[in-house]
Amino acid sequence: MKNVEFSVEGNTLTIKVDLAKEFGPSTSGKNIIIASTEGNVSVPSREECKIGLNIYRKK
């Protein structure tokens, strides 16, 4: 994962991303990647739940 933190408290999932970070251009080159789970990953302490996240901005 790049620039993504998860925490679970009770039944609430919190996602933390630093929007000031950048990881370079996307594969297409049209966007700048800010954060990504790089595919689907399990939610901490909830293996039955999956999440896939991509945050980007236009180049």
PDB file of N, CA and C in Angstrom:
ATOM      1  N   MET A   1       0.832  -1.174   0.000  1.00  0.00           N
ATOM      2  CA  MET A   1       0.000   0.000   0.000  1.00  0.00           C
ATOM      3  C   MET A   1       0.881   1.243   0.000  1.00  0.00           C
ATOM      4  N   LYS A   2       0.357   2.266  -0.614  1.00  0.00           N
ATOM      5  CA  LYS A   2       1.067   3.544  -0.671  1.00  0.00           C
ATOM      6  C   LYS A   2       0.218   4.604   0.008  1.00  0.00           C
ATOM      7  N   ASN A   3       0.716   5.163   1.128  1.00  0.00           N
ATOM      8  CA  ASN A   3       0.113   6.324   1.760  1.00  0.00           C
ATOM      9  C   ASN A   3      -1.326   6.073   2.231  1.00  0.00           C
ATOM     10  N   VAL A   4      -1.626   4.861   2.680  1.00  0.00           N
ATOM     11  CA  VAL A   4      -2.959   4.517   3.167  1.00  0.00           C
ATOM     12  C   VAL A   4      -2.826   3.823   4.513  1.00  0.00           C
ATOM     13  N   GLU A   5      -3.595   4.289   5.499  1.00  0.00           N
ATOM     14  CA  GLU A   5      -3.653   3.643   6.802  1.00  0.00           C
ATOM     15  C   GLU A   5      -5.112   3.369   7.138  1.00  0.00           C
ATOM     16  N   PHE A   6      -5.392   2.158   7.641  1.00  0.00           N
ATOM     17  CA  PHE A   6      -6.736   1.782   8.048  1.00  0.00           C
ATOM     18  C   PHE A   6      -6.754   1.553   9.546  1.00  0.00           C
ATOM     19  N   SER A   7      -7.893   1.834  10.166  1.00  0.00           N
ATOM     20  CA  SER A   7      -8.117   1.421  11.551  1.00  0.00           C
ATOM     21  C   SER A   7      -9.597   1.092  11.695  1.00  0.00           C
ATOM     22  N   VAL A   8      -9.880   0.091  12.535  1.00  0.00           N
ATOM     23  CA  VAL A   8     -11.252  -0.320  12.789  1.00  0.00           C
ATOM     24  C   VAL A   8     -11.528  -0.130  14.267  1.00  0.00           C
ATOM     25  N   GLU A   9     -12.602   0.584  14.556  1.00  0.00           N
ATOM     26  CA  GLU A   9     -13.031   0.784  15.930  1.00  0.00           C
ATOM     27  C   GLU A   9     -14.504   0.410  15.987  1.00  0.00           C
ATOM     28  N   GLY A  10     -14.803  -0.715  16.632  1.00  0.00           N
ATOM     29  CA  GLY A  10     -16.174  -1.224  16.620  1.00  0.00           C
ATOM     30  C   GLY A  10     -16.531  -1.633  15.209  1.00  0.00           C
ATOM     31  N   ASN A  11     -17.575  -1.034  14.665  1.00  0.00           N
ATOM     32  CA  ASN A  11     -17.998  -1.322  13.293  1.00  0.00           C
ATOM     33  C   ASN A  11     -17.657  -0.196  12.331  1.00  0.00           C
ATOM     34  N   THR A  12     -16.715   0.675  12.720  1.00  0.00           N
ATOM     35  CA  THR A  12     -16.360   1.826  11.893  1.00  0.00           C
ATOM     36  C   THR A  12     -14.946   1.683  11.349  1.00  0.00           C
ATOM     37  N   LEU A  13     -14.831   1.777  10.035  1.00  0.00           N
ATOM     38  CA  LEU A  13     -13.531   1.763   9.363  1.00  0.00           C
ATOM     39  C   LEU A  13     -13.110   3.198   9.107  1.00  0.00           C
ATOM     40  N   THR A  14     -11.897   3.551   9.535  1.00  0.00           N
ATOM     41  CA  THR A  14     -11.340   4.875   9.280  1.00  0.00           C
ATOM     42  C   THR A  14     -10.162   4.723   8.336  1.00  0.00           C
ATOM     43  N   ILE A  15     -10.144   5.545   7.293  1.00  0.00           N
ATOM     44  CA  ILE A  15      -9.069   5.533   6.297  1.00  0.00           C
ATOM     45  C   ILE A  15      -8.318   6.846   6.410  1.00  0.00           C
ATOM     46  N   LYS A  16      -6.989   6.768   6.539  1.00  0.00           N
ATOM     47  CA  LYS A  16      -6.164   7.966   6.666  1.00  0.00           C
ATOM     48  C   LYS A  16      -5.206   8.052   5.475  1.00  0.00           C
ATOM     49  N   VAL A  17      -5.234   9.205   4.786  1.00  0.00           N
ATOM     50  CA  VAL A  17      -4.387   9.451   3.611  1.00  0.00           C
ATOM     51  C   VAL A  17      -3.825  10.860   3.716  1.00  0.00           C
ATOM     52  N   ASP A  18      -2.525  11.011   3.486  1.00  0.00           N
ATOM     53  CA  ASP A  18      -1.893  12.334   3.443  1.00  0.00           C
ATOM     54  C   ASP A  18      -2.024  12.859   2.013  1.00  0.00           C
ATOM     55  N   LEU A  19      -2.912  13.822   1.807  1.00  0.00           N
ATOM     56  CA  LEU A  19      -3.181  14.339   0.464  1.00  0.00           C
ATOM     57  C   LEU A  19      -2.041  15.184  -0.098  1.00  0.00           C
ATOM     58  N   ALA A  20      -1.036  15.501   0.705  1.00  0.00           N
ATOM     59  CA  ALA A  20       0.108  16.283   0.235  1.00  0.00           C
ATOM     60  C   ALA A  20       1.159  15.411  -0.449  1.00  0.00           C
ATOM     61  N   LYS A  21       1.098  14.086  -0.261  1.00  0.00           N
ATOM     62  CA  LYS A  21       2.093  13.198  -0.870  1.00  0.00           C
ATOM     63  C   LYS A  21       1.725  12.863  -2.305  1.00  0.00           C
ATOM     64  N   GLU A  22       2.745  12.545  -3.094  1.00  0.00           N
ATOM     65  CA  GLU A  22       2.562  12.112  -4.476  1.00  0.00           C
ATOM     66  C   GLU A  22       3.514  10.970  -4.763  1.00  0.00           C
ATOM     67  N   PHE A  23       3.073  10.041  -5.619  1.00  0.00           N
ATOM     68  CA  PHE A  23       3.892   8.887  -5.971  1.00  0.00           C
ATOM     69  C   PHE A  23       4.143   8.786  -7.466  1.00  0.00           C
ATOM     70  N   GLY A  24       4.058   9.912  -8.152  1.00  0.00           N
ATOM     71  CA  GLY A  24       4.367   9.935  -9.570  1.00  0.00           C
ATOM     72  C   GLY A  24       3.162   9.668 -10.434  1.00  0.00           C
ATOM     73  N   PRO A  25       3.395   9.594 -11.740  1.00  0.00           N
ATOM     74  CA  PRO A  25       2.285   9.442 -12.685  1.00  0.00           C
ATOM     75  C   PRO A  25       1.688   8.042 -12.669  1.00  0.00           C
ATOM     76  N   SER A  26       0.413   7.967 -13.058  1.00  0.00           N
ATOM     77  CA  SER A  26      -0.256   6.682 -13.228  1.00  0.00           C
ATOM     78  C   SER A  26       0.330   5.988 -14.452  1.00  0.00           C
ATOM     79  N   THR A  27      -0.091   4.767 -14.679  1.00  0.00           N
ATOM     80  CA  THR A  27       0.403   4.013 -15.839  1.00  0.00           C
ATOM     81  C   THR A  27       0.078   4.727 -17.141  1.00  0.00           C
ATOM     82  N   SER A  28      -1.110   5.324 -17.217  1.00  0.00           N
ATOM     83  CA  SER A  28      -1.506   6.037 -18.441  1.00  0.00           C
ATOM     84  C   SER A  28      -0.788   7.371 -18.589  1.00  0.00           C
ATOM     85  N   GLY A  29      -0.276   7.906 -17.465  1.00  0.00           N
ATOM     86  CA  GLY A  29       0.395   9.183 -17.493  1.00  0.00           C
ATOM     87  C   GLY A  29      -0.539  10.376 -17.398  1.00  0.00           C
ATOM     88  N   LYS A  30      -1.842  10.137 -17.274  1.00  0.00           N
ATOM     89  CA  LYS A  30      -2.817  11.219 -17.236  1.00  0.00           C
ATOM     90  C   LYS A  30      -3.036  11.775 -15.825  1.00  0.00           C
ATOM     91  N   ASN A  31      -2.686  11.000 -14.811  1.00  0.00           N
ATOM     92  CA  ASN A  31      -2.957  11.383 -13.429  1.00  0.00           C
ATOM     93  C   ASN A  31      -1.718  11.221 -12.556  1.00  0.00           C
ATOM     94  N   ILE A  32      -1.726  11.882 -11.405  1.00  0.00           N
ATOM     95  CA  ILE A  32      -0.675  11.738 -10.400  1.00  0.00           C
ATOM     96  C   ILE A  32      -1.258  10.929  -9.248  1.00  0.00           C
ATOM     97  N   ILE A  33      -0.602   9.862  -8.870  1.00  0.00           N
ATOM     98  CA  ILE A  33      -1.075   8.994  -7.798  1.00  0.00           C
ATOM     99  C   ILE A  33      -0.760   9.626  -6.447  1.00  0.00           C
ATOM    100  N   ILE A  34      -1.769   9.703  -5.588  1.00  0.00           N
ATOM    101  CA  ILE A  34      -1.619  10.224  -4.232  1.00  0.00           C
ATOM    102  C   ILE A  34      -1.602   9.078  -3.229  1.00  0.00           C
ATOM    103  N   ALA A  35      -2.470   8.084  -3.435  1.00  0.00           N
ATOM    104  CA  ALA A  35      -2.540   6.940  -2.522  1.00  0.00           C
ATOM    105  C   ALA A  35      -3.173   5.762  -3.239  1.00  0.00           C
ATOM    106  N   SER A  36      -2.802   4.552  -2.820  1.00  0.00           N
ATOM    107  CA  SER A  36      -3.382   3.357  -3.421  1.00  0.00           C
ATOM    108  C   SER A  36      -3.184   2.149  -2.513  1.00  0.00           C
ATOM    109  N   THR A  37      -4.184   1.282  -2.491  1.00  0.00           N
ATOM    110  CA  THR A  37      -4.010  -0.007  -1.820  1.00  0.00           C
ATOM    111  C   THR A  37      -3.330  -0.992  -2.768  1.00  0.00           C
ATOM    112  N   GLU A  38      -3.150  -0.604  -4.018  1.00  0.00           N
ATOM    113  CA  GLU A  38      -2.522  -1.429  -5.055  1.00  0.00           C
ATOM    114  C   GLU A  38      -3.272  -2.751  -5.225  1.00  0.00           C
ATOM    115  N   GLY A  39      -4.570  -2.640  -5.377  1.00  0.00           N
ATOM    116  CA  GLY A  39      -5.439  -3.812  -5.521  1.00  0.00           C
ATOM    117  C   GLY A  39      -6.331  -3.937  -4.299  1.00  0.00           C
ATOM    118  N   ASN A  40      -7.079  -5.028  -4.239  1.00  0.00           N
ATOM    119  CA  ASN A  40      -7.980  -5.251  -3.118  1.00  0.00           C
ATOM    120  C   ASN A  40      -7.224  -5.863  -1.948  1.00  0.00           C
ATOM    121  N   VAL A  41      -7.473  -5.337  -0.748  1.00  0.00           N
ATOM    122  CA  VAL A  41      -6.826  -5.844   0.471  1.00  0.00           C
ATOM    123  C   VAL A  41      -7.891  -6.071   1.534  1.00  0.00           C
ATOM    124  N   SER A  42      -7.577  -6.913   2.510  1.00  0.00           N
ATOM    125  CA  SER A  42      -8.496  -7.173   3.607  1.00  0.00           C
ATOM    126  C   SER A  42      -8.514  -6.007   4.585  1.00  0.00           C
ATOM    127  N   VAL A  43      -9.693  -5.751   5.120  1.00  0.00           N
ATOM    128  CA  VAL A  43      -9.844  -4.737   6.162  1.00  0.00           C
ATOM    129  C   VAL A  43      -9.272  -5.322   7.453  1.00  0.00           C
ATOM    130  N   PRO A  44      -8.462  -4.560   8.205  1.00  0.00           N
ATOM    131  CA  PRO A  44      -7.875  -5.084   9.440  1.00  0.00           C
ATOM    132  C   PRO A  44      -8.942  -5.633  10.388  1.00  0.00           C
ATOM    133  N   SER A  45      -8.708  -6.803  10.908  1.00  0.00           N
ATOM    134  CA  SER A  45      -9.570  -7.525  11.856  1.00  0.00           C
ATOM    135  C   SER A  45     -10.921  -7.914  11.261  1.00  0.00           C
ATOM    136  N   ARG A  46     -11.075  -7.771   9.965  1.00  0.00           N
ATOM    137  CA  ARG A  46     -12.311  -8.160   9.265  1.00  0.00           C
ATOM    138  C   ARG A  46     -11.929  -8.819   7.952  1.00  0.00           C
ATOM    139  N   GLU A  47     -11.379 -10.003   8.028  1.00  0.00           N
ATOM    140  CA  GLU A  47     -10.873 -10.692   6.836  1.00  0.00           C
ATOM    141  C   GLU A  47     -11.948 -10.904   5.769  1.00  0.00           C
ATOM    142  N   GLU A  48     -13.229 -10.934   6.170  1.00  0.00           N
ATOM    143  CA  GLU A  48     -14.306 -11.143   5.197  1.00  0.00           C
ATOM    144  C   GLU A  48     -14.586  -9.890   4.375  1.00  0.00           C
ATOM    145  N   CYS A  49     -14.058  -8.754   4.804  1.00  0.00           N
ATOM    146  CA  CYS A  49     -14.275  -7.478   4.108  1.00  0.00           C
ATOM    147  C   CYS A  49     -13.026  -7.092   3.331  1.00  0.00           C
ATOM    148  N   LYS A  50     -13.227  -6.650   2.104  1.00  0.00           N
ATOM    149  CA  LYS A  50     -12.123  -6.213   1.246  1.00  0.00           C
ATOM    150  C   LYS A  50     -12.339  -4.766   0.842  1.00  0.00           C
ATOM    151  N   ILE A  51     -11.230  -4.083   0.547  1.00  0.00           N
ATOM    152  CA  ILE A  51     -11.307  -2.704   0.061  1.00  0.00           C
ATOM    153  C   ILE A  51     -10.242  -2.503  -1.015  1.00  0.00           C
ATOM    154  N   GLY A  52     -10.599  -1.731  -2.036  1.00  0.00           N
ATOM    155  CA  GLY A  52      -9.677  -1.307  -3.072  1.00  0.00           C
ATOM    156  C   GLY A  52      -9.777   0.204  -3.194  1.00  0.00           C
ATOM    157  N   LEU A  53      -8.663   0.904  -3.061  1.00  0.00           N
ATOM    158  CA  LEU A  53      -8.702   2.365  -3.007  1.00  0.00           C
ATOM    159  C   LEU A  53      -7.621   2.957  -3.898  1.00  0.00           C
ATOM    160  N   ASN A  54      -8.016   3.936  -4.698  1.00  0.00           N
ATOM    161  CA  ASN A  54      -7.075   4.721  -5.494  1.00  0.00           C
ATOM    162  C   ASN A  54      -7.459   6.188  -5.361  1.00  0.00           C
ATOM    163  N   ILE A  55      -6.488   7.023  -4.995  1.00  0.00           N
ATOM    164  CA  ILE A  55      -6.710   8.456  -4.932  1.00  0.00           C
ATOM    165  C   ILE A  55      -5.679   9.101  -5.850  1.00  0.00           C
ATOM    166  N   TYR A  56      -6.173   9.967  -6.742  1.00  0.00           N
ATOM    167  CA  TYR A  56      -5.291  10.594  -7.723  1.00  0.00           C
ATOM    168  C   TYR A  56      -5.822  11.964  -8.077  1.00  0.00           C
ATOM    169  N   ARG A  57      -4.974  12.746  -8.742  1.00  0.00           N
ATOM    170  CA  ARG A  57      -5.394  14.035  -9.269  1.00  0.00           C
ATOM    171  C   ARG A  57      -4.949  14.142 -10.713  1.00  0.00           C
ATOM    172  N   LYS A  58      -5.625  15.002 -11.451  1.00  0.00           N
ATOM    173  CA  LYS A  58      -5.252  15.227 -12.843  1.00  0.00           C
ATOM    174  C   LYS A  58      -3.860  15.813 -12.933  1.00  0.00           C
ATOM    175  N   LYS A  59      -3.125  15.426 -13.939  1.00  0.00           N
ATOM    176  CA  LYS A  59      -1.758  15.906 -14.154  1.00  0.00           C
ATOM    177  C   LYS A  59      -1.775  17.330 -14.648  1.00  0.00           C
TER     178      LYS A  59
END
